[in-house]
């Protein structure tokens, strides 16, 4: 009983009710109707809570006093109070109503006790469930601790594995660096071997020259020992015998260089040309324009190489003429010097000349965001090959070509997409290699019927979105390429 009173005291519901009542009194005129009703309902709820606790204390106190203890007090004070609370002011409570109300209150108390018992049973069930939940929680905590231990073991093993992997990576890196060092050493050895092979070739050439000179000297010695004066007179009367008596390196290696350069020209067509074509196809979708660019680059490379050869030859002749006194002619000495010093050829200047000429060529166009320097490696190889071809006894050149010319079976072969019944050439893919009037390597052309007179195609090419780099439409490189070369030996026009 004292516990219930203490809890009622500690709840401080009366003080809270007083505070809310004071607050409602202060703000009554400022509140709306709903707010005032809510405040009243709150006070009624607090009052009913206090009354419920007081009735509980009253019931507990009556049970403690015995079966008939406190009956007079309840009849005199509680029943009239209850009758006045549950009745209207206009209708006073009669004794019969008081008895009925008392009976109702006893029934309600009985229901309250039953509800309290049910509540206690439910509390016991909840406590049982709470106990089982705590047990499950303890089991889960235990499993969690075990999982943490396993996780720590896994982390330790992973760290160990990671350290082993890092050690393996470091070992592989060291092996890779040693392998790269070994490769570098092999490259150096290869360069050394190439230098040795180059020296061996030079020595073989020198040996061949010395052998030929030995044979010549032996022939002279045998002829000098011969008593026939007629033979001696015939030898001294021949003015052209001096050149054959002392052959140069260029004369001795002419056939081998000829075969090697022709083979190199075929390799450029089979490999370097396709690489340049694949590189250009990344920026230009039109295959015809790509093939035209490569063809014109080849022609311009031969033209630039021949020009550079003439200039280089003039400089060598000017340098060697004051000191020349050997049995060979000055021309042979100059060619021999050029053959021995092909590395002195400034190929980069020729590449720049080719790119400059292609930029003003009206037949080709190129995207504005890139430049013809994209195929500079291809142009460089063609220039080197063309420059070396000029040092041969009979220089090799590419054949004269023009769009719309008559197709020649002996000079060209048709491309795979050509019309094999068309008589005229639409455009060239690769030039033919000529030596005087003889075709050494056939070129490749595209032949189609009616393509040269199709206005739609020409108009589409001129209106192509690819910006042309031509700066002067009257500056035609084709007219320059059609001019006959001063170094040709027959009536065949050269580029």
Protein backbone atom coordinates (compact mmCIF):
# COMPACT_ATOMS: atom_id res chain seq x y z
CA UNK A 1 0.00 0.00 0.00
CA UNK A 2 2.77 2.39 0.86
CA UNK A 3 4.44 1.51 -2.42
CA UNK A 4 1.33 2.62 -4.36
CA UNK A 5 1.16 5.90 -2.48
CA UNK A 6 4.87 6.52 -3.07
CA UNK A 7 4.48 5.90 -6.78
CA UNK A 8 1.53 8.30 -6.92
CA UNK A 9 3.60 10.88 -5.11
CA UNK A 10 6.62 10.39 -7.33
CA UNK A 11 4.49 10.66 -10.49
CA UNK A 12 3.71 14.27 -9.60
CA UNK A 13 0.55 14.14 -11.62
CA UNK A 14 -1.16 16.73 -9.45
CA UNK A 15 1.66 19.22 -9.97
CA UNK A 16 1.59 18.54 -13.70
CA UNK A 17 -2.17 18.98 -13.70
CA UNK A 18 -1.79 22.29 -11.85
CA UNK A 19 0.81 23.52 -14.33
CA UNK A 20 -1.36 22.66 -17.30
CA UNK A 21 -4.33 24.32 -15.64
CA UNK A 22 -2.33 27.51 -15.06
CA UNK A 23 -1.07 27.47 -18.63
CA UNK A 24 -4.57 26.98 -19.98
CA UNK A 25 -5.84 29.87 -17.81
CA UNK A 26 -3.14 32.19 -19.15
CA UNK A 27 -3.66 31.29 -22.81
CA UNK A 28 -7.38 30.66 -22.84
CA UNK A 29 -8.32 33.82 -24.75
CA UNK A 30 -5.38 33.48 -27.14
CA UNK A 31 -6.06 29.82 -28.01
CA UNK A 32 -8.52 28.62 -30.60
CA UNK A 33 -11.52 26.48 -29.82
CA UNK A 34 -9.72 23.25 -30.75
CA UNK A 35 -6.71 24.13 -28.64
CA UNK A 36 -8.92 24.90 -25.57
CA UNK A 37 -10.77 21.60 -26.05
CA UNK A 38 -7.47 19.73 -26.32
CA UNK A 39 -6.27 21.36 -23.09
CA UNK A 40 -9.50 20.37 -21.32
CA UNK A 41 -9.21 16.79 -22.57
CA UNK A 42 -5.61 16.62 -21.31
CA UNK A 43 -6.73 17.77 -17.87
CA UNK A 44 -9.54 15.21 -17.88
CA UNK A 45 -7.10 12.46 -18.83
CA UNK A 46 -4.76 13.45 -16.01
CA UNK A 47 -7.68 13.61 -13.58
CA UNK A 48 -8.94 10.19 -14.63
CA UNK A 49 -5.41 8.80 -14.27
CA UNK A 50 -5.19 10.19 -10.72
CA UNK A 51 -8.67 8.91 -9.87
CA UNK A 52 -7.80 5.46 -11.22
CA UNK A 53 -4.74 5.29 -9.01
CA UNK A 54 -6.75 6.56 -6.01
CA UNK A 55 -9.42 3.91 -6.61
CA UNK A 56 -6.68 1.28 -6.75
CA UNK A 57 -5.31 2.52 -3.42
CA UNK A 58 -8.86 2.59 -2.02
CA UNK A 59 -9.50 -0.99 -3.08
CA UNK A 60 -6.18 -2.17 -1.66
CA UNK A 61 -6.82 -0.36 1.63
CA UNK A 62 -10.33 -1.89 1.93
CA UNK A 63 -8.94 -5.39 1.40
CA UNK A 64 -6.31 -4.87 4.04
CA UNK A 65 -8.96 -3.85 6.60
CA UNK A 66 -10.98 -7.05 6.26
CA UNK A 67 -14.34 -8.00 4.80
CA UNK A 68 -16.49 -5.34 6.50
CA UNK A 69 -13.84 -2.75 7.36
CA UNK A 70 -14.48 0.76 6.01
CA UNK A 71 -18.05 0.05 4.86
CA UNK A 72 -19.47 3.02 6.74
CA UNK A 73 -16.90 5.37 5.29
CA UNK A 74 -17.59 4.12 1.78
CA UNK A 75 -21.32 4.52 2.24
CA UNK A 76 -21.12 7.96 3.75
CA UNK A 77 -18.41 9.56 1.60
CA UNK A 78 -17.66 7.52 -1.53
CA UNK A 79 -21.16 6.58 -2.65
CA UNK A 80 -22.58 10.14 -2.45
CA UNK A 81 -19.53 11.41 -4.25
CA UNK A 82 -19.91 8.81 -6.97
CA UNK A 83 -23.61 9.56 -7.32
CA UNK A 84 -22.94 13.27 -7.62
CA UNK A 85 -20.21 12.64 -10.27
CA UNK A 86 -22.25 10.32 -12.50
CA UNK A 87 -25.55 12.21 -12.32
CA UNK A 88 -26.74 15.57 -13.56
CA UNK A 89 -27.09 18.45 -11.11
CA UNK A 90 -30.85 18.68 -11.67
CA UNK A 91 -31.51 15.10 -10.57
CA UNK A 92 -30.37 14.28 -7.03
CA UNK A 93 -29.17 10.74 -6.18
CA UNK A 94 -31.59 8.48 -4.33
CA UNK A 95 -30.51 5.69 -1.96
CA UNK A 96 -31.52 3.03 -4.48
CA UNK A 97 -29.36 4.64 -7.11
CA UNK A 98 -26.50 4.73 -4.67
CA UNK A 99 -26.78 1.01 -4.06
CA UNK A 100 -26.88 0.27 -7.75
CA UNK A 101 -23.91 2.48 -8.34
CA UNK A 102 -22.04 0.71 -5.60
CA UNK A 103 -22.80 -2.61 -7.16
CA UNK A 104 -21.59 -1.30 -10.50
CA UNK A 105 -18.41 -0.08 -8.91
CA UNK A 106 -17.84 -3.47 -7.34
CA UNK A 107 -18.36 -5.13 -10.73
CA UNK A 108 -15.95 -2.77 -12.33
CA UNK A 109 -13.42 -3.45 -9.60
CA UNK A 110 -13.82 -7.16 -10.23
CA UNK A 111 -13.21 -6.62 -13.93
CA UNK A 112 -10.22 -4.48 -13.08
CA UNK A 113 -8.79 -7.28 -10.94
CA UNK A 114 -9.39 -9.76 -13.75
CA UNK A 115 -7.69 -7.44 -16.17
CA UNK A 116 -4.82 -7.03 -13.71
CA UNK A 117 -4.46 -10.79 -13.47
CA UNK A 118 -4.45 -11.08 -17.26
CA UNK A 119 -1.91 -8.31 -17.40
CA UNK A 120 0.29 -10.09 -14.86
CA UNK A 121 0.04 -13.30 -16.90
CA UNK A 122 0.98 -11.43 -20.01
CA UNK A 123 3.88 -9.84 -18.15
CA UNK A 124 5.05 -13.29 -17.09
CA UNK A 125 4.85 -14.47 -20.71
CA UNK A 126 6.78 -11.41 -21.84
CA UNK A 127 9.38 -12.01 -19.15
CA UNK A 128 9.71 -15.61 -20.33
CA UNK A 129 10.10 -14.44 -23.92
CA UNK A 130 12.59 -11.83 -22.80
CA UNK A 131 14.59 -14.51 -20.99
CA UNK A 132 14.61 -16.72 -24.09
CA UNK A 133 15.56 -13.71 -26.21
CA UNK A 134 18.43 -12.94 -23.86
CA UNK A 135 19.59 -16.53 -24.13
CA UNK A 136 19.45 -16.30 -27.94
CA UNK A 137 21.28 -12.99 -27.77
CA UNK A 138 24.00 -14.60 -25.69
CA UNK A 139 24.30 -17.40 -28.25
CA UNK A 140 24.50 -14.84 -31.06
CA UNK A 141 27.18 -12.91 -29.17
CA UNK A 142 29.13 -16.11 -28.78
CA UNK A 143 28.80 -16.84 -32.50
CA UNK A 144 29.81 -13.26 -33.24
CA UNK A 145 32.93 -13.60 -31.13
CA UNK A 146 33.78 -16.85 -32.92
CA UNK A 147 33.21 -15.13 -36.26
CA UNK A 148 35.50 -12.29 -35.15
CA UNK A 149 38.18 -14.81 -34.25
CA UNK A 150 37.81 -16.48 -37.65
CA UNK A 151 37.97 -13.06 -39.32
CA UNK A 152 41.17 -12.24 -37.47
CA UNK A 153 42.65 -15.59 -38.56
CA UNK A 154 41.60 -14.90 -42.14
CA UNK A 155 43.15 -11.42 -41.98
CA UNK A 156 46.39 -12.89 -40.65
CA UNK A 157 46.47 -15.52 -43.39
CA UNK A 158 45.62 -12.88 -46.02
CA UNK A 159 48.39 -10.64 -44.78
CA UNK A 160 50.80 -13.56 -44.96
CA UNK A 161 49.61 -14.40 -48.48
CA UNK A 162 49.90 -10.73 -49.48
CA UNK A 163 53.46 -10.59 -48.21
CA UNK A 164 54.27 -13.75 -50.15
CA UNK A 165 52.63 -12.28 -53.27
CA UNK A 166 54.59 -9.06 -52.89
CA UNK A 167 57.78 -11.10 -52.55
CA UNK A 168 56.88 -12.97 -55.73
CA UNK A 169 56.12 -9.69 -57.50
CA UNK A 170 59.45 -8.25 -56.41
CA UNK A 171 61.18 -11.40 -57.60
CA UNK A 172 59.37 -11.24 -60.94
CA UNK A 173 60.31 -7.58 -61.29
CA UNK A 174 63.93 -8.40 -60.62
CA UNK A 175 63.77 -11.22 -63.15
CA UNK A 176 62.13 -8.86 -65.63
CA UNK A 177 64.82 -6.24 -65.13
CA UNK A 178 67.53 -8.87 -65.55
CA UNK A 179 65.80 -10.13 -68.69
CA UNK A 180 65.63 -6.58 -70.04
CA UNK A 181 69.32 -6.12 -69.28
CA UNK A 182 70.00 -9.37 -71.08
CA UNK A 183 67.92 -8.20 -74.04
CA UNK A 184 69.80 -4.91 -74.09
CA UNK A 185 73.05 -6.81 -74.06
CA UNK A 186 71.80 -8.96 -76.93
CA UNK A 187 70.79 -5.83 -78.84
CA UNK A 188 74.24 -4.40 -78.30
CA UNK A 189 75.76 -7.65 -79.48
CA UNK A 190 73.46 -7.58 -82.49
CA UNK A 191 74.54 -4.04 -83.30
CA UNK A 192 78.13 -5.12 -82.94
CA UNK A 193 77.48 -8.08 -85.24
CA UNK A 194 75.82 -5.79 -87.77
CA UNK A 195 78.83 -3.50 -87.65
CA UNK A 196 81.08 -6.51 -88.11
CA UNK A 197 78.98 -7.71 -91.02
CA UNK A 198 79.12 -4.26 -92.56
CA UNK A 199 82.88 -4.20 -92.17
CA UNK A 200 83.04 -7.71 -93.62
CA UNK A 201 81.08 -6.55 -96.65
CA UNK A 202 83.40 -3.59 -97.08
CA UNK A 203 86.38 -5.89 -96.73
CA UNK A 204 84.92 -8.29 -99.27
CA UNK A 205 84.42 -5.40 -101.66
CA UNK A 206 88.00 -4.30 -101.06
CA UNK A 207 89.17 -7.88 -101.58
CA UNK A 208 87.21 -8.08 -104.82
CA UNK A 209 88.74 -4.80 -105.96
CA UNK A 210 92.20 -5.96 -105.02
CA UNK A 211 91.63 -9.30 -106.73
CA UNK A 212 90.51 -7.56 -109.90
CA UNK A 213 93.50 -5.25 -109.70
CA UNK A 214 95.72 -8.27 -109.13
CA UNK A 215 94.30 -9.97 -112.18
CA UNK A 216 94.80 -6.80 -114.19
CA UNK A 217 98.37 -6.45 -112.96
CA UNK A 218 99.10 -10.07 -113.70
CA UNK A 219 97.70 -9.56 -117.19
CA UNK A 220 99.86 -6.49 -117.63
CA UNK A 221 102.86 -8.39 -116.34
CA UNK A 222 102.27 -11.28 -118.73
CA UNK A 223 101.76 -8.87 -121.61
CA UNK A 224 104.93 -6.99 -120.68
CA UNK A 225 106.87 -10.23 -120.76
CA UNK A 226 105.41 -11.13 -124.16
CA UNK A 227 107.80 -10.28 -127.10
CA UNK A 228 104.95 -9.32 -129.44
CA UNK A 229 105.15 -5.57 -130.19
CA UNK A 230 101.89 -5.58 -132.10
CA UNK A 231 99.97 -6.53 -128.99
CA UNK A 232 101.65 -3.76 -127.06
CA UNK A 233 100.74 -1.23 -129.72
CA UNK A 234 97.13 -2.37 -129.74
CA UNK A 235 96.91 -1.98 -125.97
CA UNK A 236 98.44 1.49 -125.99
CA UNK A 237 96.26 2.64 -128.83
CA UNK A 238 93.00 1.85 -126.99
CA UNK A 239 91.80 5.02 -125.21
CA UNK A 240 88.89 3.38 -123.39
CA UNK A 241 90.88 0.50 -121.83
CA UNK A 242 91.89 2.56 -118.78
CA UNK A 243 88.40 2.55 -117.30
CA UNK A 244 88.07 -1.21 -117.37
CA UNK A 245 91.58 -1.65 -115.99
CA UNK A 246 90.62 -0.10 -112.59
CA UNK A 247 87.02 -0.98 -111.71
CA UNK A 248 85.55 0.85 -108.69
CA UNK A 249 83.36 -0.51 -105.92
CA UNK A 250 80.30 0.90 -107.66
CA UNK A 251 81.16 -1.04 -110.82
CA UNK A 252 81.87 -4.27 -108.97
CA UNK A 253 78.69 -4.15 -106.86
CA UNK A 254 76.39 -2.75 -109.52
CA UNK A 255 74.55 -6.02 -110.25
CA UNK A 256 74.09 -6.94 -106.58
CA UNK A 257 72.88 -3.44 -105.71
CA UNK A 258 70.55 -3.54 -108.70
CA UNK A 259 68.92 -6.78 -107.53
CA UNK A 260 68.73 -5.59 -103.94
CA UNK A 261 67.09 -2.27 -104.82
CA UNK A 262 64.52 -3.88 -107.11
CA UNK A 263 63.69 -6.34 -104.33
CA UNK A 264 63.44 -3.46 -101.86
CA UNK A 265 61.05 -1.62 -104.16
CA UNK A 266 58.81 -4.71 -104.25
CA UNK A 267 58.98 -5.00 -100.46
CA UNK A 268 57.90 -1.38 -100.08
CA UNK A 269 54.89 -2.11 -102.26
CA UNK A 270 54.00 -5.28 -100.34
CA UNK A 271 54.63 -4.09 -96.78
CA UNK A 272 55.36 -0.38 -96.24
CA UNK A 273 52.61 0.72 -98.64
CA UNK A 274 49.99 -1.38 -96.85
CA UNK A 275 51.11 -0.04 -93.46
CA UNK A 276 50.79 3.54 -94.71
CA UNK A 277 47.41 2.73 -96.26
CA UNK A 278 46.10 1.26 -92.99
CA UNK A 279 47.36 4.32 -91.12
CA UNK A 280 45.61 6.72 -93.50
CA UNK A 281 42.35 4.74 -93.38
CA UNK A 282 41.96 5.78 -89.75
CA UNK A 283 41.39 9.36 -90.91
CA UNK A 284 40.13 8.99 -94.50
CA UNK A 285 37.29 6.62 -95.37
CA UNK A 286 37.69 6.98 -99.15
CA UNK A 287 40.03 4.20 -100.32
CA UNK A 288 40.60 5.89 -103.67
CA UNK A 289 41.86 9.07 -101.99
CA UNK A 290 44.17 7.04 -99.76
CA UNK A 291 45.65 5.20 -102.75
CA UNK A 292 46.07 8.47 -104.64
CA UNK A 293 47.92 9.98 -101.66
CA UNK A 294 50.33 7.03 -101.48
CA UNK A 295 50.91 7.05 -105.25
CA UNK A 296 51.63 10.79 -105.37
CA UNK A 297 53.87 10.45 -102.30
CA UNK A 298 55.87 7.79 -104.18
CA UNK A 299 56.23 9.97 -107.29
CA UNK A 300 57.24 13.01 -105.24
CA UNK A 301 59.74 10.89 -103.29
CA UNK A 302 61.45 9.78 -106.52
CA UNK A 303 61.49 13.37 -107.78
CA UNK A 304 62.95 14.69 -104.49
CA UNK A 305 65.53 11.87 -104.37
CA UNK A 306 66.68 12.55 -107.94
CA UNK A 307 66.99 16.26 -107.21
CA UNK A 308 68.97 15.56 -104.05
CA UNK A 309 71.19 13.10 -105.98
CA UNK A 310 72.02 15.68 -108.62
CA UNK A 311 72.87 18.29 -105.99
CA UNK A 312 74.92 15.81 -103.97
CA UNK A 313 76.74 14.68 -107.10
CA UNK A 314 77.62 18.25 -108.01
CA UNK A 315 79.03 18.89 -104.55
CA UNK A 316 81.12 15.69 -104.63
CA UNK A 317 82.45 16.47 -108.13
CA UNK A 318 83.35 19.97 -107.01
CA UNK A 319 85.20 18.59 -103.98
CA UNK A 320 87.06 15.79 -105.77
CA UNK A 321 87.98 17.50 -109.03
CA UNK A 322 90.97 19.49 -107.65
CA UNK A 323 92.65 16.38 -106.24
CA UNK A 324 91.65 13.79 -108.84
CA UNK A 325 94.66 12.16 -110.53
CA UNK A 326 93.88 8.42 -110.64
CA UNK A 327 93.40 6.15 -113.62
CA UNK A 328 89.60 6.21 -113.15
CA UNK A 329 87.49 8.91 -114.63
CA UNK A 330 86.13 11.65 -112.39
CA UNK A 331 82.58 10.48 -112.97
CA UNK A 332 83.41 6.96 -111.76
CA UNK A 333 85.17 8.32 -108.71
CA UNK A 334 82.19 10.52 -107.86
CA UNK A 335 79.73 7.62 -108.18
CA UNK A 336 82.03 5.37 -106.16
CA UNK A 337 82.23 7.99 -103.40
CA UNK A 338 78.42 8.32 -103.30
CA UNK A 339 77.98 4.53 -103.13
CA UNK A 340 80.42 4.32 -100.25
CA UNK A 341 78.78 7.23 -98.38
CA UNK A 342 75.05 6.79 -98.86
CA UNK A 343 74.59 7.70 -95.19
CA UNK A 344 75.51 11.30 -96.03
CA UNK A 345 72.24 11.68 -97.94
CA UNK A 346 69.99 14.16 -96.10
CA UNK A 347 66.81 12.13 -96.38
CA UNK A 348 64.89 14.35 -93.96
CA UNK A 349 65.23 17.32 -96.30
CA UNK A 350 63.77 15.22 -99.12
CA UNK A 351 60.87 14.15 -96.85
CA UNK A 352 60.14 17.80 -96.09
CA UNK A 353 60.21 18.62 -99.83
CA UNK A 354 57.80 15.76 -100.55
CA UNK A 355 55.35 16.85 -97.84
CA UNK A 356 55.56 20.45 -99.05
CA UNK A 357 54.80 19.37 -102.62
CA UNK A 358 51.90 17.20 -101.50
CA UNK A 359 50.34 20.06 -99.54
CA UNK A 360 49.92 22.05 -102.78
CA UNK A 361 48.82 19.13 -104.96
CA UNK A 362 45.21 19.72 -106.11
CA UNK A 363 44.51 16.03 -106.75
CA UNK A 364 44.59 14.96 -103.11
CA UNK A 365 43.08 16.19 -99.87
CA UNK A 366 43.54 15.40 -96.23
CA UNK A 367 41.67 16.03 -92.93
CA UNK A 368 42.63 19.40 -91.43
CA UNK A 369 43.43 17.99 -87.98
CA UNK A 370 46.36 15.84 -89.24
CA UNK A 371 49.25 16.27 -91.67
CA UNK A 372 51.07 14.29 -94.36
CA UNK A 373 53.89 13.84 -91.87
CA UNK A 374 51.79 10.90 -90.71
CA UNK A 375 53.33 8.81 -93.53
CA UNK A 376 56.83 10.28 -93.24
CA UNK A 377 58.35 6.85 -92.52
CA UNK A 378 56.97 5.51 -95.81
CA UNK A 379 58.24 8.59 -97.69
CA UNK A 380 61.67 8.21 -96.07
CA UNK A 381 62.06 4.59 -97.24
CA UNK A 382 61.00 5.44 -100.79
CA UNK A 383 63.45 8.39 -100.88
CA UNK A 384 66.33 6.24 -99.71
CA UNK A 385 65.56 3.54 -102.26
CA UNK A 386 65.14 6.06 -105.07
CA UNK A 387 68.40 7.83 -104.14
CA UNK A 388 70.30 4.53 -104.17
CA UNK A 389 68.76 3.66 -107.56
CA UNK A 390 70.40 6.73 -109.08
CA UNK A 391 73.87 5.36 -108.27
CA UNK A 392 73.46 2.36 -110.60
CA UNK A 393 75.24 2.18 -113.94
CA UNK A 394 71.85 2.59 -115.58
CA UNK A 395 69.66 4.56 -113.14
CA UNK A 396 66.24 3.14 -112.34
CA UNK A 397 63.20 5.37 -112.35
CA UNK A 398 59.42 5.10 -112.15
CA UNK A 399 57.40 5.23 -115.35
CA UNK A 400 55.54 8.29 -116.57
CA UNK A 401 51.83 8.08 -115.63
CA UNK A 402 48.68 10.16 -116.01
CA UNK A 403 45.01 9.63 -115.26
CA UNK A 404 43.09 8.52 -118.31
CA UNK A 405 46.06 6.92 -120.09
CA UNK A 406 45.64 3.74 -122.08
CA UNK A 407 46.07 0.61 -120.04
CA UNK A 408 49.27 -1.31 -120.86
CA UNK A 409 49.44 -4.97 -119.98
CA UNK A 410 53.23 -4.94 -120.02
CA UNK A 411 53.50 -2.02 -117.61
CA UNK A 412 50.62 -2.44 -115.17
CA UNK A 413 48.35 -4.97 -113.58
CA UNK A 414 44.77 -4.24 -112.63
CA UNK A 415 43.58 -4.03 -109.02
CA UNK A 416 41.06 -6.49 -107.69
CA UNK A 417 38.15 -4.02 -107.94
CA UNK A 418 38.91 -2.97 -111.53
CA UNK A 419 36.76 -3.49 -114.60
CA UNK A 420 38.87 -5.90 -116.67
CA UNK A 421 37.22 -4.77 -119.93
CA UNK A 422 37.92 -1.05 -119.44
CA UNK A 423 40.71 0.28 -121.72
CA UNK A 424 41.61 3.43 -119.73
CA UNK A 425 43.22 3.97 -116.34
CA UNK A 426 41.09 5.81 -113.76
CA UNK A 427 43.88 6.30 -111.23
CA UNK A 428 47.19 4.66 -110.26
CA UNK A 429 47.82 2.65 -107.13
CA UNK A 430 51.55 2.00 -107.60
CA UNK A 431 54.01 3.15 -110.30
CA UNK A 432 55.91 0.84 -112.61
CA UNK A 433 59.69 0.57 -112.20
CA UNK A 434 61.59 1.18 -115.43
CA UNK A 435 65.17 0.82 -116.63
CA UNK A 436 65.42 2.65 -119.95
CA UNK A 437 62.51 1.13 -121.89
CA UNK A 438 62.37 -2.14 -119.93
CA UNK A 439 59.80 -2.72 -117.21
CA UNK A 440 61.47 -4.18 -114.13
CA UNK A 441 58.46 -4.25 -111.80
CA UNK A 442 54.87 -3.78 -112.91
CA UNK A 443 52.72 -1.12 -111.34
CA UNK A 444 49.09 -1.36 -110.26
CA UNK A 445 46.17 0.67 -111.62
CA UNK A 446 42.39 0.85 -111.35
CA UNK A 447 40.39 0.65 -114.59
CA UNK A 448 36.65 1.28 -114.81
CA UNK A 449 34.32 2.13 -117.66
CA UNK A 450 32.89 5.63 -117.73
CA UNK A 451 34.51 6.68 -114.45
CA UNK A 452 36.54 9.48 -116.03
CA UNK A 453 33.46 11.13 -117.52
CA UNK A 454 31.14 10.76 -114.52
CA UNK A 455 30.35 14.35 -113.43
CA UNK A 456 28.72 13.21 -110.20
CA UNK A 457 31.84 11.56 -108.88
CA UNK A 458 34.09 14.52 -109.73
CA UNK A 459 31.63 16.88 -108.13
CA UNK A 460 31.43 14.78 -104.99
CA UNK A 461 35.21 14.73 -104.73
CA UNK A 462 35.53 18.47 -105.13
CA UNK A 463 32.76 19.04 -102.58
CA UNK A 464 34.18 16.58 -100.10
CA UNK A 465 34.06 17.70 -96.45
CA UNK A 466 37.77 16.86 -96.21
CA UNK A 467 39.56 20.16 -96.55
CA UNK A 468 42.14 20.30 -99.33
CA UNK A 469 45.55 21.69 -98.49
CA UNK A 470 46.08 23.18 -101.93
CA UNK A 471 46.90 26.83 -101.68
CA UNK A 472 47.18 27.62 -105.38
CA UNK A 473 45.02 25.81 -107.98
CA UNK A 474 47.36 26.84 -110.78
CA UNK A 475 50.40 25.27 -109.09
CA UNK A 476 50.19 21.76 -110.45
CA UNK A 477 52.71 19.23 -109.28
CA UNK A 478 51.59 16.83 -112.00
CA UNK A 479 52.98 19.13 -114.69
CA UNK A 480 56.30 19.12 -112.91
CA UNK A 481 56.27 15.32 -112.64
CA UNK A 482 55.60 15.00 -116.37
CA UNK A 483 58.70 16.96 -117.33
CA UNK A 484 61.39 14.70 -118.78
CA UNK A 485 64.35 14.00 -116.55
CA UNK A 486 67.74 15.30 -117.74
CA UNK A 487 69.33 12.00 -116.65
CA UNK A 488 67.27 9.74 -118.90
CA UNK A 489 69.08 7.79 -121.56
CA UNK A 490 66.27 7.22 -124.03
CA UNK A 491 63.09 8.85 -125.23
CA UNK A 492 61.01 7.46 -122.33
CA UNK A 493 59.75 10.32 -120.13
CA UNK A 494 60.76 10.13 -116.48
CA UNK A 495 59.49 11.71 -113.29
